[in-house]
Amino acid sequence: MTGTTTISRHRPVNESYRSFGDVRTRVLEVAGSGPPLVCLHGYSDQADTWRPLMRALRAADRRVIAVDLPGFGRASALQPGLVLPQLDRFVAETVRSAADSAGQAAVVIGNSLGGIAALRAGADRALPIAGVVPISPAGFGHSRALRWAQHSDAVLPMLQRGRLPMPVVRSVMTMAFRRASCGNPRRADHEAVRAYAGQFRTRGDLYRMLSTAPSLLTELGQGHEVSPVDVPVLLLWGDHDRLTLHRGSERVLEVIPHTELVTLAGFGHCPQLEAAPRVAELINDFVDRVTGPSVG
């Protein structure tokens, strides 16, 4: 890992740019004690989705790092070919770096695409991982709306020819993101939602994001089965998830029987945006049980 750091004095979350393997990316981080908590966002999202949770975990003196995954946010573009193996390599480098810096095995937290990436990392016995917290992981049952995205390549030419001003496009993206990510859109963290829409600065940004959807969804549906995970697993799933269906938790439990499932009643696909204090409470308890209480 190489990089330089710029720290904001006005926010409790520090921002930097680093390289993990051959991927240059943006890193959000809060200092703390105990094992590093590595946070992986979902498809089309970015590290900012974790800001509310990071602030809540900082209150418990947790050490937390969130990264833009390859192809999203301000990270390097994905290379041609399969996506999941690229994420596997990136997550492995990130976990090793975080664990080396902290001198302790990491706990990997992931939402949606980041959730399946976290489970795949947890199955790699060579990685210094103490536990995994998948939140509404992708690949275990998708809604009709998400399956539609598998055919989004049909709308890409229309997007290129589109004449809607980007501020209008971002407004539409904001409304869609609120509804898709939250059981109650009014509960969505405003800062994180603004950051989500802000990453689409040009029509090309949106085009690049949508162009990966068909192949990635096909990949998730074919041959992505998670290997057995030996480390502890805390599975969080909102029962109002409009993207990855809650019944997908049954498949996770079949593959990883020792998984501890917590259903978040009334919450949606990204509970870290709706109920950060509750999610932080569950993660704090889990981390204490698998690694010992934080001292700070």
Protein backbone atom coordinates (compact mmCIF):
# COMPACT_ATOMS: atom_id res chain seq x y z
CA MET A 1 0.00 0.00 0.00
CA THR A 2 1.21 3.47 -0.87
CA GLY A 3 -0.42 6.87 -0.57
CA THR A 4 -0.74 10.34 0.84
CA THR A 5 -3.27 11.63 3.35
CA THR A 6 -5.36 14.79 3.60
CA ILE A 7 -7.33 15.23 6.82
CA SER A 8 -10.44 17.36 7.26
CA ARG A 9 -10.53 19.24 10.57
CA HIS A 10 -14.27 19.69 10.33
CA ARG A 11 -15.35 16.05 10.21
CA PRO A 12 -14.58 13.06 12.41
CA VAL A 13 -13.93 10.96 9.30
CA ASN A 14 -10.52 11.39 7.62
CA GLU A 15 -10.14 11.05 3.86
CA SER A 16 -7.09 9.91 1.88
CA TYR A 17 -6.03 8.30 -1.38
CA ARG A 18 -4.05 5.06 -1.36
CA SER A 19 -3.17 2.13 -3.54
CA PHE A 20 -4.05 -1.45 -2.65
CA GLY A 21 -2.37 -3.71 -5.13
CA ASP A 22 -2.85 -2.09 -8.54
CA VAL A 23 -5.98 -0.16 -7.52
CA ARG A 24 -5.79 3.50 -6.56
CA THR A 25 -8.74 4.44 -4.38
CA ARG A 26 -10.23 6.81 -1.85
CA VAL A 27 -10.17 5.80 1.80
CA LEU A 28 -12.34 7.04 4.66
CA GLU A 29 -10.99 6.30 8.12
CA VAL A 30 -11.58 6.94 11.78
CA ALA A 31 -8.88 6.29 14.35
CA GLY A 32 -9.60 4.05 17.30
CA SER A 33 -8.55 0.94 19.12
CA GLY A 34 -9.15 -2.76 18.69
CA PRO A 35 -9.38 -4.71 15.45
CA PRO A 36 -9.76 -2.77 12.20
CA LEU A 37 -13.29 -2.80 10.79
CA VAL A 38 -13.07 -2.82 6.99
CA CYS A 39 -16.25 -1.58 5.25
CA LEU A 40 -17.18 -2.47 1.66
CA HIS A 41 -20.04 -0.67 -0.12
CA GLY A 42 -22.54 -1.97 -2.65
CA TYR A 43 -22.97 -1.68 -6.41
CA SER A 44 -23.15 1.92 -7.73
CA ASP A 45 -22.40 3.22 -4.23
CA GLN A 46 -19.18 4.49 -2.66
CA ALA A 47 -17.43 4.68 0.71
CA ASP A 48 -19.58 7.61 1.87
CA THR A 49 -22.44 5.22 2.55
CA TRP A 50 -20.54 4.24 5.70
CA ARG A 51 -20.10 7.75 7.15
CA PRO A 52 -23.12 7.54 9.51
CA LEU A 53 -21.98 4.15 10.80
CA MET A 54 -18.37 5.28 11.08
CA ARG A 55 -19.40 8.19 13.28
CA ALA A 56 -21.44 5.85 15.48
CA LEU A 57 -18.56 3.38 15.75
CA ARG A 58 -16.10 6.17 16.49
CA ALA A 59 -18.11 6.92 19.62
CA ALA A 60 -17.17 3.40 20.76
CA ASP A 61 -13.49 4.06 19.91
CA ARG A 62 -13.52 1.65 16.99
CA ARG A 63 -10.89 1.71 14.27
CA VAL A 64 -12.81 1.84 10.95
CA ILE A 65 -11.78 2.02 7.30
CA ALA A 66 -14.09 2.32 4.27
CA VAL A 67 -12.91 2.23 0.66
CA ASP A 68 -14.28 2.95 -2.79
CA LEU A 69 -14.34 -0.42 -4.55
CA PRO A 70 -12.71 -0.72 -8.00
CA GLY A 71 -14.96 0.78 -10.66
CA PHE A 72 -16.96 2.90 -8.21
CA GLY A 73 -16.62 6.27 -6.51
CA ARG A 74 -13.13 7.61 -7.14
CA ALA A 75 -11.35 4.28 -7.41
CA SER A 76 -9.48 3.01 -10.46
CA ALA A 77 -11.64 1.56 -13.20
CA LEU A 78 -12.39 -2.13 -13.38
CA GLN A 79 -10.31 -4.09 -15.84
CA PRO A 80 -11.95 -6.12 -18.62
CA GLY A 81 -13.15 -9.53 -17.50
CA LEU A 82 -14.94 -10.92 -14.48
CA VAL A 83 -15.65 -8.48 -11.66
CA LEU A 84 -15.76 -10.69 -8.56
CA PRO A 85 -12.17 -11.96 -8.86
CA GLN A 86 -11.01 -8.33 -9.17
CA LEU A 87 -12.92 -7.47 -6.00
CA ASP A 88 -11.44 -10.52 -4.27
CA ARG A 89 -7.90 -9.33 -4.98
CA PHE A 90 -8.64 -5.76 -3.93
CA VAL A 91 -10.39 -6.78 -0.70
CA ALA A 92 -7.55 -9.16 0.17
CA GLU A 93 -4.97 -6.37 -0.23
CA THR A 94 -7.12 -3.96 1.80
CA VAL A 95 -7.65 -6.46 4.62
CA ARG A 96 -3.97 -7.34 4.80
CA SER A 97 -3.00 -3.67 4.92
CA ALA A 98 -5.54 -2.86 7.64
CA ALA A 99 -4.56 -5.87 9.73
CA ASP A 100 -0.84 -5.15 9.37
CA SER A 101 -1.34 -1.52 10.44
CA ALA A 102 -3.44 -2.49 13.47
CA GLY A 103 -1.49 -5.58 14.43
CA GLN A 104 -4.81 -7.47 14.64
CA ALA A 105 -7.04 -9.49 12.38
CA ALA A 106 -9.80 -7.47 10.73
CA VAL A 107 -13.57 -7.68 10.86
CA VAL A 108 -14.97 -7.23 7.34
CA ILE A 109 -18.33 -5.48 6.94
CA GLY A 110 -20.05 -5.31 3.56
CA ASN A 111 -23.37 -4.18 2.13
CA SER A 112 -24.95 -5.70 -1.00
CA LEU A 113 -22.10 -6.31 -3.49
CA GLY A 114 -19.75 -5.54 -0.61
CA GLY A 115 -21.59 -8.17 1.44
CA ILE A 116 -20.84 -10.97 -1.01
CA ALA A 117 -17.27 -9.68 -1.29
CA ALA A 118 -16.98 -9.84 2.52
CA LEU A 119 -18.24 -13.43 2.58
CA ARG A 120 -15.84 -14.44 -0.17
CA ALA A 121 -12.98 -12.86 1.79
CA GLY A 122 -14.11 -14.67 4.94
CA ALA A 123 -13.83 -17.97 3.08
CA ASP A 124 -10.15 -17.30 2.36
CA ARG A 125 -8.33 -18.89 5.29
CA ALA A 126 -5.09 -17.15 4.32
CA LEU A 127 -6.51 -13.72 5.17
CA PRO A 128 -6.25 -12.20 8.68
CA ILE A 129 -10.01 -12.00 9.31
CA ALA A 130 -11.61 -12.41 12.74
CA GLY A 131 -15.23 -12.15 11.61
CA VAL A 132 -17.55 -11.07 8.81
CA VAL A 133 -20.68 -8.88 8.86
CA PRO A 134 -22.58 -9.11 5.55
CA ILE A 135 -25.50 -6.67 5.32
CA SER A 136 -28.14 -7.64 2.73
CA PRO A 137 -25.52 -9.40 0.58
CA ALA A 138 -26.06 -9.62 -3.17
CA GLY A 139 -26.30 -12.94 -4.95
CA PHE A 140 -28.81 -14.76 -2.74
CA GLY A 141 -32.07 -13.59 -4.30
CA HIS A 142 -32.77 -10.36 -6.16
CA SER A 143 -35.98 -8.41 -6.61
CA ARG A 144 -37.61 -7.94 -10.01
CA ALA A 145 -36.34 -4.34 -10.07
CA LEU A 146 -32.75 -5.46 -9.60
CA ARG A 147 -33.10 -8.24 -12.15
CA TRP A 148 -34.23 -5.60 -14.64
CA ALA A 149 -30.80 -4.04 -14.34
CA GLN A 150 -29.43 -7.16 -16.02
CA HIS A 151 -30.91 -5.72 -19.22
CA SER A 152 -29.80 -2.13 -18.62
CA ASP A 153 -27.49 -2.35 -21.62
CA ALA A 154 -30.62 -1.73 -23.70
CA VAL A 155 -30.96 1.78 -22.26
CA LEU A 156 -27.30 2.76 -22.59
CA PRO A 157 -27.65 4.12 -26.15
CA MET A 158 -30.60 6.22 -24.97
CA LEU A 159 -28.49 7.50 -22.09
CA GLN A 160 -25.75 8.56 -24.49
CA ARG A 161 -28.25 10.41 -26.66
CA GLY A 162 -30.17 11.82 -23.71
CA ARG A 163 -30.60 15.54 -23.38
CA LEU A 164 -31.69 15.77 -19.77
CA PRO A 165 -29.34 18.12 -17.86
CA MET A 166 -27.15 16.30 -15.38
CA PRO A 167 -28.69 18.14 -12.38
CA VAL A 168 -32.02 16.59 -13.38
CA VAL A 169 -30.40 13.17 -13.79
CA ARG A 170 -28.81 13.48 -10.34
CA SER A 171 -32.16 14.47 -8.85
CA VAL A 172 -33.76 11.35 -10.31
CA MET A 173 -30.85 9.23 -9.06
CA THR A 174 -31.27 10.71 -5.59
CA MET A 175 -34.96 9.85 -5.41
CA ALA A 176 -34.37 6.36 -6.77
CA PHE A 177 -31.52 5.73 -4.34
CA ARG A 178 -33.56 6.85 -1.33
CA ARG A 179 -36.42 4.54 -2.22
CA ALA A 180 -34.26 1.57 -3.20
CA SER A 181 -31.93 1.72 -0.22
CA CYS A 182 -34.27 2.50 2.67
CA GLY A 183 -37.39 0.98 4.14
CA ASN A 184 -38.52 4.53 4.84
CA PRO A 185 -36.86 6.99 2.41
CA ARG A 186 -37.34 9.85 4.87
CA ARG A 187 -34.91 8.16 7.25
CA ALA A 188 -32.04 8.15 4.76
CA ASP A 189 -28.93 10.02 5.89
CA HIS A 190 -28.97 13.25 3.86
CA GLU A 191 -25.19 13.64 3.63
CA ALA A 192 -24.66 10.11 2.32
CA VAL A 193 -27.48 10.49 -0.22
CA ARG A 194 -26.01 13.75 -1.52
CA ALA A 195 -22.61 12.09 -1.83
CA TYR A 196 -24.16 9.20 -3.77
CA ALA A 197 -25.75 11.50 -6.34
CA GLY A 198 -22.66 13.72 -6.48
CA GLN A 199 -20.45 10.94 -7.82
CA PHE A 200 -22.30 11.15 -11.15
CA ARG A 201 -20.71 14.36 -12.34
CA THR A 202 -21.08 13.60 -16.05
CA ARG A 203 -23.24 11.40 -18.25
CA GLY A 204 -20.16 9.27 -18.78
CA ASP A 205 -19.94 8.51 -15.04
CA LEU A 206 -23.47 7.12 -15.10
CA TYR A 207 -22.83 5.24 -18.33
CA ARG A 208 -19.75 3.52 -16.92
CA MET A 209 -21.65 2.45 -13.81
CA LEU A 210 -24.67 1.07 -15.68
CA SER A 211 -22.55 -0.68 -18.30
CA THR A 212 -21.17 -3.10 -15.70
CA ALA A 213 -24.60 -4.16 -14.37
CA PRO A 214 -25.59 -6.84 -16.90
CA SER A 215 -22.35 -8.82 -16.73
CA LEU A 216 -22.04 -8.44 -12.96
CA LEU A 217 -25.58 -9.67 -12.29
CA THR A 218 -24.97 -12.61 -14.60
CA GLU A 219 -21.75 -13.31 -12.74
CA LEU A 220 -23.53 -13.18 -9.38
CA GLY A 221 -26.04 -15.70 -10.66
CA GLN A 222 -23.50 -18.12 -12.06
CA GLY A 223 -20.76 -19.81 -10.16
CA HIS A 224 -20.43 -17.29 -7.34
CA GLU A 225 -21.33 -19.78 -4.61
CA VAL A 226 -19.62 -18.90 -1.36
CA SER A 227 -17.25 -21.47 0.08
CA PRO A 228 -17.67 -22.47 3.73
CA VAL A 229 -16.65 -19.67 6.08
CA ASP A 230 -14.97 -20.76 9.30
CA VAL A 231 -14.85 -17.38 11.05
CA PRO A 232 -17.90 -16.00 12.92
CA VAL A 233 -20.56 -14.40 10.71
CA LEU A 234 -23.18 -11.83 11.71
CA LEU A 235 -25.78 -11.47 8.95
CA LEU A 236 -27.92 -8.31 9.03
CA TRP A 237 -30.92 -8.04 6.73
CA GLY A 238 -33.75 -5.52 6.59
CA ASP A 239 -37.17 -7.11 6.11
CA HIS A 240 -38.21 -4.16 3.89
CA ASP A 241 -35.30 -4.72 1.47
CA ARG A 242 -36.51 -3.86 -2.04
CA LEU A 243 -33.38 -5.11 -3.84
CA THR A 244 -31.98 -8.26 -2.24
CA LEU A 245 -34.86 -10.31 -0.90
CA HIS A 246 -34.82 -11.17 2.81
CA ARG A 247 -35.51 -14.82 2.08
CA GLY A 248 -32.00 -14.93 0.66
CA SER A 249 -30.86 -15.21 4.28
CA GLU A 250 -32.05 -18.83 4.20
CA ARG A 251 -29.52 -19.61 1.49
CA VAL A 252 -26.73 -18.00 3.51
CA LEU A 253 -27.69 -20.13 6.52
CA GLU A 254 -27.61 -23.25 4.36
CA VAL A 255 -24.07 -22.52 3.20
CA ILE A 256 -22.78 -21.17 6.54
CA PRO A 257 -24.86 -22.83 9.30
CA HIS A 258 -23.13 -21.05 12.18
CA THR A 259 -24.26 -17.66 10.83
CA GLU A 260 -26.01 -15.42 13.36
CA LEU A 261 -28.97 -13.76 11.60
CA VAL A 262 -30.49 -10.48 12.80
CA THR A 263 -33.56 -9.29 10.90
CA LEU A 264 -33.94 -5.52 11.03
CA ALA A 265 -37.68 -4.93 11.12
CA GLY A 266 -38.87 -2.00 9.02
CA PHE A 267 -35.51 -1.28 7.42
CA GLY A 268 -34.36 -1.64 3.84
CA HIS A 269 -31.35 -2.58 1.75
CA CYS A 270 -28.90 -0.13 3.37
CA PRO A 271 -29.71 -0.04 7.11
CA GLN A 272 -26.45 1.81 7.73
CA LEU A 273 -28.21 4.82 6.16
CA GLU A 274 -31.41 4.49 8.21
CA ALA A 275 -30.36 3.08 11.54
CA ALA A 276 -26.62 3.63 12.01
CA PRO A 277 -26.79 3.58 15.85
CA ARG A 278 -28.62 0.23 15.83
CA VAL A 279 -26.25 -1.29 13.29
CA ALA A 280 -23.27 0.03 15.27
CA GLU A 281 -24.68 -1.53 18.45
CA LEU A 282 -24.97 -4.93 16.77
CA ILE A 283 -21.47 -4.68 15.29
CA ASN A 284 -19.93 -3.56 18.58
CA ASP A 285 -21.46 -6.53 20.37
CA PHE A 286 -20.30 -8.92 17.65
CA VAL A 287 -16.74 -7.55 17.61
CA ASP A 288 -16.52 -7.76 21.40
CA ARG A 289 -17.59 -11.40 21.28
CA VAL A 290 -15.19 -12.47 18.54
CA THR A 291 -12.14 -10.38 19.44
CA GLY A 292 -12.64 -9.06 22.98
CA PRO A 293 -13.92 -5.69 24.28
CA SER A 294 -12.47 -2.47 22.88
CA VAL A 295 -10.22 -0.64 25.31
CA GLY A 296 -9.84 3.08 24.76
